[in-house]
Amino acid sequence: MSVATAIALESLSFAFAADHQVLADLNLVVDKGERVGVMGPSGSGKTTLLKLIAGLRGYSPTRGTCLRSDRFAMAFQQPLLLDHLSIRDNILLPARIANKPCEIEDVVHIMGLEHLLSRYPYQISGGQQRRVALARALLSPGTRGLLMDEPFTGLDEPLRERILVEVEAALNALSLTCVFATHSPFEAAFLADRIVFLGNTPATIASIRTVTIARGKRHELLEEREFFEEVAAIRRTASATDQYS
């Protein structure tokens, strides 16, 4: 792997069983600091791909390789917070398990959680719980990359936009690589540098699209024609991928 490479997939295939192959012959290189969205129909293997990259137990390539130069933390679809721990202790949990010091103030400020640290998960909203889970992943010891499995699904529009802005600010501040699964062309256009579209059964990479709007301009263009056109182009590619499947 190049020193600039965070993830390298080469002829990657994965099957749960001989008659249940999920991914087939994926080839992809993700650079350090890059943000890659993964889109595709439900059941196409987006979550499985993230778990392979994360190196979770039970997820090793059936064939080919999945190489990582850095440690990646993962934020799942559900927050998976512990109700008997305060918000502060939930965020600090990975660091305490690893017996590592952890300064949380900067990320907590970026994610807008300062006033919630003494509360418990059952005392805060679902959107706030997702922000806590993201902060916990961002602050996991040794993390140089973030994997997100549809963490914004089900949020109302204003809240989703606010959390997207907060996540982008945290990625910028920590210089993290990010790979995330999404069904939303809006999320992909706002957060990704490139978008990988999975299609077919078992899933292959049907196409890859580079987002045309520079990172620093997206906040300013959210209500502008240029951003809407990017979202529409991503939606068309996603629709074509669905048909391909």
Protein backbone atom coordinates (compact mmCIF):
# COMPACT_ATOMS: atom_id res chain seq x y z
CA MET A 1 0.00 0.00 0.00
CA SER A 2 1.10 3.57 -0.69
CA VAL A 3 1.78 5.80 2.33
CA ALA A 4 -1.12 7.96 1.09
CA THR A 5 -3.56 5.02 1.04
CA ALA A 6 -6.00 4.39 3.91
CA ILE A 7 -7.92 1.42 2.43
CA ALA A 8 -7.14 -0.92 -0.44
CA LEU A 9 -9.63 -3.54 -1.65
CA GLU A 10 -8.29 -5.97 -4.23
CA SER A 11 -10.59 -8.58 -5.83
CA LEU A 12 -12.54 -8.56 -2.56
CA SER A 13 -15.31 -11.14 -2.24
CA PHE A 14 -17.34 -12.15 0.79
CA ALA A 15 -19.89 -14.89 1.43
CA PHE A 16 -21.76 -15.91 4.57
CA ALA A 17 -22.09 -19.41 3.07
CA ALA A 18 -21.39 -21.16 -0.23
CA ASP A 19 -24.91 -20.33 -1.42
CA HIS A 20 -24.99 -16.80 0.05
CA GLN A 21 -22.33 -14.65 -1.60
CA VAL A 22 -22.74 -10.94 -0.82
CA LEU A 23 -19.80 -9.16 -2.48
CA ALA A 24 -17.83 -10.16 -5.57
CA ASP A 25 -14.52 -8.87 -6.95
CA LEU A 26 -14.47 -5.35 -5.45
CA ASN A 27 -11.44 -3.20 -6.29
CA LEU A 28 -11.13 0.19 -4.60
CA VAL A 29 -8.45 2.47 -3.16
CA VAL A 30 -9.36 5.15 -0.61
CA ASP A 31 -6.77 7.82 0.12
CA LYS A 32 -6.05 9.11 3.62
CA GLY A 33 -8.39 11.97 4.43
CA GLU A 34 -10.78 11.06 1.60
CA ARG A 35 -14.54 10.71 2.11
CA VAL A 36 -16.29 7.97 0.18
CA GLY A 37 -20.03 7.35 0.13
CA VAL A 38 -21.37 3.86 -0.60
CA MET A 39 -24.80 3.65 -2.22
CA GLY A 40 -26.87 0.77 -3.56
CA PRO A 41 -30.21 -1.00 -3.13
CA SER A 42 -31.24 -2.40 0.26
CA GLY A 43 -29.47 -5.70 0.80
CA SER A 44 -26.71 -4.93 -1.69
CA GLY A 45 -23.94 -5.35 0.87
CA LYS A 46 -23.20 -1.79 2.02
CA THR A 47 -23.16 -2.71 5.72
CA THR A 48 -21.20 -5.88 5.04
CA LEU A 49 -18.55 -3.86 3.19
CA LEU A 50 -18.19 -1.46 6.13
CA LYS A 51 -17.85 -4.36 8.59
CA LEU A 52 -15.13 -5.89 6.41
CA ILE A 53 -13.24 -2.60 6.37
CA ALA A 54 -13.67 -2.31 10.14
CA GLY A 55 -12.30 -5.84 10.57
CA LEU A 56 -15.15 -6.92 12.82
CA ARG A 57 -15.11 -10.47 14.13
CA GLY A 58 -16.64 -12.88 11.61
CA TYR A 59 -15.96 -10.56 8.68
CA SER A 60 -12.90 -11.63 6.70
CA PRO A 61 -12.68 -11.75 2.90
CA THR A 62 -13.70 -15.05 1.33
CA ARG A 63 -11.35 -14.16 -1.49
CA GLY A 64 -9.07 -11.20 -2.21
CA THR A 65 -7.79 -8.68 0.31
CA CYS A 66 -8.98 -5.75 2.42
CA LEU A 67 -6.01 -3.76 3.68
CA ARG A 68 -6.10 -0.81 6.10
CA SER A 69 -3.22 1.45 7.02
CA ASP A 70 -5.03 2.93 10.02
CA ARG A 71 -7.57 2.03 12.68
CA PHE A 72 -11.21 2.73 11.83
CA ALA A 73 -14.06 3.25 14.30
CA MET A 74 -17.63 2.46 13.26
CA ALA A 75 -20.91 4.23 13.95
CA PHE A 76 -23.84 1.87 13.40
CA GLN A 77 -27.42 2.59 12.31
CA GLN A 78 -28.51 2.42 15.96
CA PRO A 79 -26.64 4.48 18.59
CA LEU A 80 -26.00 1.44 20.87
CA LEU A 81 -25.55 3.57 23.99
CA LEU A 82 -25.50 2.09 27.50
CA ASP A 83 -28.45 3.37 29.51
CA HIS A 84 -26.72 3.04 32.90
CA LEU A 85 -23.85 5.32 31.82
CA SER A 86 -24.00 9.10 31.52
CA ILE A 87 -23.44 10.72 28.14
CA ARG A 88 -19.90 11.65 29.19
CA ASP A 89 -19.17 8.06 30.23
CA ASN A 90 -20.67 6.66 27.02
CA ILE A 91 -18.36 8.89 24.98
CA LEU A 92 -15.35 7.92 27.11
CA LEU A 93 -16.12 4.18 27.13
CA PRO A 94 -13.71 3.06 24.32
CA ALA A 95 -10.87 5.10 25.87
CA ARG A 96 -11.49 3.63 29.32
CA ILE A 97 -11.62 0.07 27.94
CA ALA A 98 -8.27 0.75 26.23
CA ASN A 99 -6.97 2.49 29.38
CA LYS A 100 -6.04 5.55 27.32
CA PRO A 101 -6.40 9.25 28.22
CA CYS A 102 -9.00 11.09 26.20
CA GLU A 103 -9.79 14.79 25.86
CA ILE A 104 -13.37 15.11 24.69
CA GLU A 105 -13.98 18.86 24.87
CA ASP A 106 -13.24 19.81 21.24
CA VAL A 107 -15.38 17.06 19.66
CA VAL A 108 -18.15 17.56 22.22
CA HIS A 109 -18.21 21.26 21.33
CA ILE A 110 -18.28 20.57 17.58
CA MET A 111 -21.15 18.09 18.04
CA GLY A 112 -23.09 20.45 20.32
CA LEU A 113 -23.22 18.08 23.30
CA GLU A 114 -21.77 20.23 26.10
CA HIS A 115 -25.07 20.62 27.94
CA LEU A 116 -25.91 16.90 27.79
CA LEU A 117 -22.83 15.30 29.36
CA SER A 118 -24.42 14.63 32.77
CA ARG A 119 -27.63 13.18 31.33
CA TYR A 120 -28.39 9.57 30.46
CA PRO A 121 -29.36 8.14 27.05
CA TYR A 122 -33.04 7.72 27.98
CA GLN A 123 -33.17 11.44 28.85
CA ILE A 124 -32.17 12.71 25.39
CA SER A 125 -33.72 12.56 21.92
CA GLY A 126 -32.92 10.06 19.18
CA GLY A 127 -31.04 12.69 17.19
CA GLN A 128 -28.95 13.60 20.24
CA GLN A 129 -28.21 9.91 20.85
CA ARG A 130 -26.84 9.60 17.32
CA ARG A 131 -24.56 12.58 17.89
CA VAL A 132 -23.29 10.94 21.07
CA ALA A 133 -22.58 7.71 19.17
CA LEU A 134 -20.70 9.65 16.50
CA ALA A 135 -18.66 11.51 19.14
CA ARG A 136 -17.80 8.19 20.80
CA ALA A 137 -16.59 6.77 17.47
CA LEU A 138 -14.60 9.91 16.65
CA LEU A 139 -12.84 9.75 20.03
CA SER A 140 -12.07 6.04 20.00
CA PRO A 141 -8.33 5.69 20.80
CA GLY A 142 -6.03 5.49 17.79
CA THR A 143 -8.81 6.19 15.32
CA ARG A 144 -7.70 7.70 12.00
CA GLY A 145 -10.87 6.84 10.11
CA LEU A 146 -14.64 6.77 10.59
CA LEU A 147 -17.10 4.26 9.14
CA MET A 148 -20.78 5.25 9.27
CA ASP A 149 -23.67 2.92 8.47
CA GLU A 150 -26.62 5.17 7.54
CA PRO A 151 -26.36 7.17 10.79
CA PHE A 152 -28.74 9.92 9.59
CA THR A 153 -31.67 7.68 8.54
CA GLY A 154 -35.03 8.75 9.96
CA LEU A 155 -33.93 12.21 11.08
CA ASP A 156 -36.05 15.18 10.09
CA GLU A 157 -34.56 17.47 7.43
CA PRO A 158 -33.31 20.39 9.58
CA LEU A 159 -31.75 18.03 12.16
CA ARG A 160 -30.10 15.89 9.47
CA GLU A 161 -28.52 18.96 7.87
CA ARG A 162 -27.25 20.22 11.23
CA ILE A 163 -25.68 16.86 12.13
CA LEU A 164 -24.11 16.60 8.67
CA VAL A 165 -22.49 19.99 9.20
CA GLU A 166 -21.27 18.90 12.65
CA VAL A 167 -19.84 15.63 11.32
CA GLU A 168 -18.05 17.43 8.50
CA ALA A 169 -16.56 19.89 11.01
CA ALA A 170 -15.31 17.01 13.16
CA LEU A 171 -13.80 15.19 10.16
CA ASN A 172 -12.04 18.41 9.16
CA ALA A 173 -10.74 19.08 12.67
CA LEU A 174 -9.42 15.52 13.12
CA SER A 175 -8.28 14.98 9.49
CA LEU A 176 -10.06 11.63 9.33
CA THR A 177 -10.76 9.31 6.42
CA CYS A 178 -14.47 8.50 6.17
CA VAL A 179 -16.45 5.78 4.41
CA PHE A 180 -20.21 5.86 4.90
CA ALA A 181 -23.24 3.97 3.63
CA THR A 182 -26.29 5.98 2.62
CA HIS A 183 -29.48 5.86 0.58
CA SER A 184 -29.57 9.67 0.39
CA PRO A 185 -28.20 11.54 -2.66
CA PHE A 186 -28.29 14.70 -0.51
CA GLU A 187 -26.03 13.18 2.16
CA ALA A 188 -23.67 11.84 -0.50
CA ALA A 189 -23.46 15.20 -2.29
CA PHE A 190 -22.79 17.06 0.95
CA LEU A 191 -20.25 14.76 2.59
CA ALA A 192 -18.51 12.60 -0.05
CA ASP A 193 -15.59 13.24 -2.35
CA ARG A 194 -16.49 10.12 -4.33
CA ILE A 195 -19.50 7.81 -4.36
CA VAL A 196 -19.28 4.06 -4.96
CA PHE A 197 -22.47 2.48 -6.32
CA LEU A 198 -22.99 -1.21 -5.58
CA GLY A 199 -25.17 -3.27 -7.89
CA ASN A 200 -25.89 -6.79 -9.11
CA THR A 201 -26.17 -9.96 -7.01
CA PRO A 202 -23.68 -10.68 -5.54
CA ALA A 203 -22.76 -7.01 -5.39
CA THR A 204 -20.01 -5.54 -7.52
CA ILE A 205 -18.99 -1.91 -8.04
CA ALA A 206 -21.38 -0.77 -10.76
CA SER A 207 -19.94 2.75 -11.03
CA ILE A 208 -18.00 5.45 -9.17
CA ARG A 209 -18.84 9.15 -9.29
CA THR A 210 -16.69 12.06 -8.19
CA VAL A 211 -18.68 14.86 -6.50
CA THR A 212 -18.09 17.98 -8.58
CA ILE A 213 -18.57 20.62 -5.86
CA ALA A 214 -15.49 21.39 -3.76
CA ARG A 215 -15.80 20.59 -0.04
CA GLY A 216 -15.51 24.17 1.20
CA LYS A 217 -18.34 25.47 -1.02
CA ARG A 218 -21.10 23.01 -0.16
CA HIS A 219 -22.43 24.87 2.90
CA GLU A 220 -22.91 27.98 0.76
CA LEU A 221 -24.63 26.13 -2.08
CA LEU A 222 -27.20 24.04 -0.22
CA GLU A 223 -30.06 26.13 -1.59
CA GLU A 224 -28.47 26.80 -4.98
CA ARG A 225 -29.04 25.22 -8.37
CA GLU A 226 -25.49 23.82 -8.53
CA PHE A 227 -26.05 21.67 -5.44
CA PHE A 228 -29.51 20.52 -6.60
CA GLU A 229 -28.02 19.47 -9.93
CA GLU A 230 -25.36 17.41 -8.16
CA VAL A 231 -28.00 15.71 -6.02
CA ALA A 232 -30.08 14.99 -9.13
CA ALA A 233 -27.08 13.49 -10.96
CA ILE A 234 -26.34 11.21 -7.99
CA ARG A 235 -30.00 10.17 -7.85
CA ARG A 236 -29.96 9.25 -11.54
CA THR A 237 -26.87 7.10 -11.08
CA ALA A 238 -28.39 5.43 -8.01
CA SER A 239 -31.60 4.70 -9.97
CA ALA A 240 -29.60 3.16 -12.80
CA THR A 241 -27.77 1.02 -10.25
CA ASP A 242 -31.09 -0.19 -8.83
CA GLN A 243 -32.14 -1.27 -12.33
CA TYR A 244 -28.74 -2.92 -12.85
CA SER A 245 -29.39 -5.01 -9.75
